Amino acid sequence: MKVCKECKWWKPDALLIYIGECEKKRISTRDSEGPCEAFAEKVESEFMWCSDCRETFHRSERERHKKHVTHEGARVDEDAHEYILAGD
C-alpha cells in the first residue's frame, strides 16, 4: 500500500520521524497514512534526509544509507525548542 512515508511530497519531522508534513496538501500526517490522491513516487535528489541517521547526506554517500529510510528533505519545527530537553 502506498503510504505517506513512501511519497515524494511527505517530509518527516527532524525529531519526531513518524510525523511529517505533506507539501502538496499542506497538512501534518503520520507516516503510515494513505492511500492519497496526491501520492507521487520518491525520486533521489542531490541531497537527501536519512530518517534512520537523522542527517542530510549527499548522493555520493548513498551506499552508506542503502537500507535506510530516506526522503528529499525533512521538516524542521520552529517550535521544537518547546518540547525538547535543554542541555544544561
N, C-alpha and C. Protein backbone atom coordinates (compact mmCIF):
# COMPACT_ATOMS: atom_id res chain seq x y z
N MET A 1 0.84 -1.18 0.00
CA MET A 1 0.00 0.00 0.00
C MET A 1 0.89 1.24 0.00
N LYS A 2 0.51 2.23 -0.74
CA LYS A 2 1.27 3.47 -0.84
C LYS A 2 0.88 4.39 0.32
N VAL A 3 1.82 4.60 1.22
CA VAL A 3 1.57 5.42 2.41
C VAL A 3 2.45 6.68 2.37
N CYS A 4 2.16 7.60 3.27
CA CYS A 4 2.83 8.90 3.27
C CYS A 4 4.35 8.80 3.24
N LYS A 5 4.94 7.93 4.06
CA LYS A 5 6.41 7.88 4.13
C LYS A 5 7.06 7.42 2.83
N GLU A 6 6.27 6.90 1.89
CA GLU A 6 6.80 6.48 0.60
C GLU A 6 6.55 7.52 -0.49
N CYS A 7 5.99 8.66 -0.11
CA CYS A 7 5.60 9.69 -1.08
C CYS A 7 6.65 10.79 -1.20
N LYS A 8 6.79 11.30 -2.40
CA LYS A 8 7.71 12.40 -2.70
C LYS A 8 7.34 13.66 -1.92
N TRP A 9 6.07 13.90 -1.68
CA TRP A 9 5.60 15.15 -1.07
C TRP A 9 5.69 15.15 0.45
N TRP A 10 5.91 13.99 1.07
CA TRP A 10 5.91 13.91 2.53
C TRP A 10 7.31 14.12 3.08
N LYS A 11 7.42 15.05 4.04
CA LYS A 11 8.70 15.34 4.69
C LYS A 11 8.56 15.02 6.17
N PRO A 12 9.39 14.11 6.71
CA PRO A 12 9.29 13.76 8.13
C PRO A 12 9.80 14.89 9.02
N ASP A 13 9.29 14.95 10.22
CA ASP A 13 9.80 15.89 11.20
C ASP A 13 11.21 15.45 11.58
N ALA A 14 12.12 16.40 11.76
CA ALA A 14 13.51 16.06 12.06
C ALA A 14 13.66 15.35 13.41
N LEU A 15 12.74 15.59 14.35
CA LEU A 15 12.83 14.96 15.67
C LEU A 15 11.83 13.83 15.85
N LEU A 16 10.60 14.02 15.43
CA LEU A 16 9.54 13.01 15.55
C LEU A 16 9.31 12.41 14.18
N ILE A 17 10.13 11.44 13.78
CA ILE A 17 10.16 10.98 12.40
C ILE A 17 8.91 10.26 11.91
N TYR A 18 8.01 9.87 12.80
CA TYR A 18 6.76 9.22 12.38
C TYR A 18 5.67 10.24 12.05
N ILE A 19 5.96 11.52 12.29
CA ILE A 19 5.04 12.61 11.93
C ILE A 19 5.72 13.45 10.88
N GLY A 20 4.96 13.94 9.93
CA GLY A 20 5.55 14.77 8.89
C GLY A 20 4.52 15.69 8.28
N GLU A 21 4.93 16.36 7.22
CA GLU A 21 4.04 17.30 6.54
C GLU A 21 3.98 16.98 5.06
N CYS A 22 2.77 16.99 4.53
CA CYS A 22 2.58 16.82 3.10
C CYS A 22 2.71 18.19 2.45
N GLU A 23 3.72 18.36 1.61
CA GLU A 23 3.94 19.65 0.96
C GLU A 23 2.86 19.95 -0.08
N LYS A 24 2.25 18.93 -0.60
CA LYS A 24 1.21 19.11 -1.61
C LYS A 24 -0.10 19.60 -0.98
N LYS A 25 -0.49 18.95 0.14
CA LYS A 25 -1.76 19.29 0.81
C LYS A 25 -1.58 20.31 1.93
N ARG A 26 -0.34 20.54 2.36
CA ARG A 26 -0.03 21.46 3.45
C ARG A 26 -0.71 21.06 4.76
N ILE A 27 -0.62 19.76 5.08
CA ILE A 27 -1.18 19.24 6.33
C ILE A 27 -0.17 18.31 6.98
N SER A 28 -0.29 18.17 8.30
CA SER A 28 0.55 17.22 9.04
C SER A 28 -0.11 15.86 9.02
N THR A 29 0.69 14.80 8.84
CA THR A 29 0.16 13.44 8.80
C THR A 29 1.14 12.49 9.48
N ARG A 30 0.65 11.29 9.80
CA ARG A 30 1.52 10.22 10.29
C ARG A 30 2.15 9.54 9.08
N ASP A 31 3.28 8.90 9.29
CA ASP A 31 3.99 8.24 8.19
C ASP A 31 3.22 7.08 7.57
N SER A 32 2.28 6.49 8.33
CA SER A 32 1.56 5.30 7.85
C SER A 32 0.21 5.62 7.21
N GLU A 33 -0.15 6.90 7.10
CA GLU A 33 -1.43 7.25 6.49
C GLU A 33 -1.38 7.05 4.98
N GLY A 34 -2.52 6.77 4.40
CA GLY A 34 -2.61 6.60 2.96
C GLY A 34 -3.75 5.65 2.65
N PRO A 35 -4.05 5.36 1.43
CA PRO A 35 -3.51 5.98 0.22
C PRO A 35 -4.06 7.39 0.02
N CYS A 36 -3.48 8.11 -0.92
CA CYS A 36 -3.82 9.51 -1.13
C CYS A 36 -3.80 9.83 -2.63
N GLU A 37 -4.69 10.71 -3.05
CA GLU A 37 -4.76 11.09 -4.47
C GLU A 37 -3.55 11.92 -4.90
N ALA A 38 -2.81 12.51 -3.95
CA ALA A 38 -1.64 13.34 -4.29
C ALA A 38 -0.34 12.52 -4.29
N PHE A 39 -0.43 11.21 -4.06
CA PHE A 39 0.77 10.37 -3.95
C PHE A 39 1.62 10.44 -5.21
N ALA A 40 2.93 10.57 -5.01
CA ALA A 40 3.91 10.54 -6.11
C ALA A 40 5.13 9.77 -5.62
N GLU A 41 5.69 8.95 -6.48
CA GLU A 41 6.87 8.16 -6.12
C GLU A 41 8.04 9.08 -5.77
N LYS A 42 8.84 8.65 -4.80
CA LYS A 42 10.03 9.40 -4.41
C LYS A 42 11.06 9.36 -5.53
N VAL A 43 11.81 10.43 -5.66
CA VAL A 43 12.94 10.46 -6.59
C VAL A 43 14.17 10.88 -5.80
N GLU A 44 15.30 10.35 -6.19
CA GLU A 44 16.54 10.69 -5.48
C GLU A 44 17.04 12.04 -5.97
N SER A 45 17.40 12.90 -5.03
CA SER A 45 17.93 14.21 -5.38
C SER A 45 19.40 14.29 -4.92
N GLU A 46 20.03 15.42 -5.16
CA GLU A 46 21.44 15.56 -4.82
C GLU A 46 21.67 15.41 -3.32
N PHE A 47 20.81 16.03 -2.52
CA PHE A 47 20.89 15.91 -1.07
C PHE A 47 19.62 15.26 -0.57
N MET A 48 19.77 14.30 0.35
CA MET A 48 18.63 13.55 0.89
C MET A 48 18.70 13.58 2.42
N TRP A 49 17.56 13.31 3.06
CA TRP A 49 17.47 13.20 4.52
C TRP A 49 17.34 11.73 4.87
N CYS A 50 18.16 11.26 5.80
CA CYS A 50 18.09 9.88 6.28
C CYS A 50 17.36 9.88 7.62
N SER A 51 16.18 9.27 7.68
CA SER A 51 15.42 9.21 8.93
C SER A 51 16.09 8.31 9.96
N ASP A 52 16.82 7.31 9.51
CA ASP A 52 17.49 6.40 10.44
C ASP A 52 18.67 7.08 11.15
N CYS A 53 19.46 7.82 10.39
CA CYS A 53 20.63 8.51 10.96
C CYS A 53 20.31 9.93 11.41
N ARG A 54 19.18 10.43 10.96
CA ARG A 54 18.75 11.81 11.22
C ARG A 54 19.81 12.81 10.77
N GLU A 55 20.18 12.68 9.50
CA GLU A 55 21.16 13.59 8.92
C GLU A 55 20.91 13.75 7.43
N THR A 56 21.40 14.86 6.90
CA THR A 56 21.35 15.10 5.47
C THR A 56 22.63 14.52 4.87
N PHE A 57 22.49 13.90 3.70
CA PHE A 57 23.68 13.34 3.05
C PHE A 57 23.65 13.63 1.55
N HIS A 58 24.83 13.62 0.95
CA HIS A 58 24.98 13.84 -0.49
C HIS A 58 24.83 12.51 -1.21
N ARG A 59 24.42 12.56 -2.45
CA ARG A 59 24.21 11.31 -3.20
C ARG A 59 25.47 10.46 -3.30
N SER A 60 26.64 11.06 -3.16
CA SER A 60 27.88 10.28 -3.18
C SER A 60 28.00 9.38 -1.94
N GLU A 61 27.22 9.65 -0.89
CA GLU A 61 27.21 8.84 0.32
C GLU A 61 26.05 7.85 0.34
N ARG A 62 25.38 7.68 -0.76
CA ARG A 62 24.17 6.85 -0.85
C ARG A 62 24.40 5.42 -0.38
N GLU A 63 25.53 4.86 -0.67
CA GLU A 63 25.82 3.47 -0.29
C GLU A 63 25.75 3.28 1.22
N ARG A 64 26.18 4.28 1.98
CA ARG A 64 26.15 4.21 3.44
C ARG A 64 24.72 4.16 3.99
N HIS A 65 23.77 4.67 3.23
CA HIS A 65 22.36 4.74 3.67
C HIS A 65 21.47 3.81 2.84
N LYS A 66 22.08 2.82 2.23
CA LYS A 66 21.40 1.94 1.27
C LYS A 66 20.10 1.33 1.80
N LYS A 67 20.09 0.80 2.99
CA LYS A 67 18.88 0.14 3.52
C LYS A 67 18.11 1.02 4.50
N HIS A 68 18.42 2.31 4.53
CA HIS A 68 17.77 3.25 5.44
C HIS A 68 16.55 3.88 4.76
N VAL A 69 15.72 4.51 5.57
CA VAL A 69 14.56 5.25 5.05
C VAL A 69 15.02 6.66 4.73
N THR A 70 14.91 7.05 3.45
CA THR A 70 15.38 8.37 3.03
C THR A 70 14.25 9.18 2.41
N HIS A 71 14.43 10.50 2.46
CA HIS A 71 13.45 11.44 1.92
C HIS A 71 14.20 12.58 1.26
N GLU A 72 13.48 13.37 0.46
CA GLU A 72 14.11 14.52 -0.21
C GLU A 72 14.47 15.63 0.76
N GLY A 73 13.93 15.61 1.94
CA GLY A 73 14.22 16.63 2.94
C GLY A 73 13.51 16.30 4.23
N ALA A 74 13.65 17.17 5.20
CA ALA A 74 12.97 16.98 6.48
C ALA A 74 12.28 18.28 6.87
N ARG A 75 11.25 18.13 7.67
CA ARG A 75 10.52 19.29 8.18
C ARG A 75 11.17 19.70 9.49
N VAL A 76 11.53 20.96 9.61
CA VAL A 76 12.13 21.47 10.84
C VAL A 76 11.09 22.33 11.53
N ASP A 77 10.70 21.92 12.73
CA ASP A 77 9.69 22.62 13.50
C ASP A 77 10.33 23.81 14.21
N GLU A 78 9.85 25.01 13.92
CA GLU A 78 10.40 26.22 14.54
C GLU A 78 10.16 26.25 16.04
N ASP A 79 9.18 25.50 16.52
CA ASP A 79 8.86 25.48 17.95
C ASP A 79 9.44 24.25 18.66
N ALA A 80 10.39 23.58 18.05
CA ALA A 80 10.96 22.36 18.64
C ALA A 80 11.59 22.63 20.00
N HIS A 81 12.10 23.81 20.19
CA HIS A 81 12.72 24.14 21.49
C HIS A 81 11.72 24.05 22.64
N GLU A 82 10.43 24.08 22.32
CA GLU A 82 9.40 24.00 23.35
C GLU A 82 9.24 22.58 23.91
N TYR A 83 9.57 21.57 23.12
CA TYR A 83 9.34 20.20 23.58
C TYR A 83 10.59 19.32 23.65
N ILE A 84 11.77 19.90 23.48
CA ILE A 84 12.99 19.12 23.67
C ILE A 84 13.68 19.57 24.96
N LEU A 85 14.44 18.67 25.55
CA LEU A 85 15.11 18.97 26.81
C LEU A 85 16.33 19.86 26.58
N ALA A 86 16.57 20.74 27.52
CA ALA A 86 17.74 21.61 27.46
C ALA A 86 18.98 20.82 27.84
N GLY A 87 20.12 21.23 27.36
CA GLY A 87 21.37 20.52 27.66
C GLY A 87 22.13 21.13 28.82
N ASP A 88 21.41 21.77 29.75
CA ASP A 88 22.08 22.43 30.88
C ASP A 88 22.74 21.44 31.77
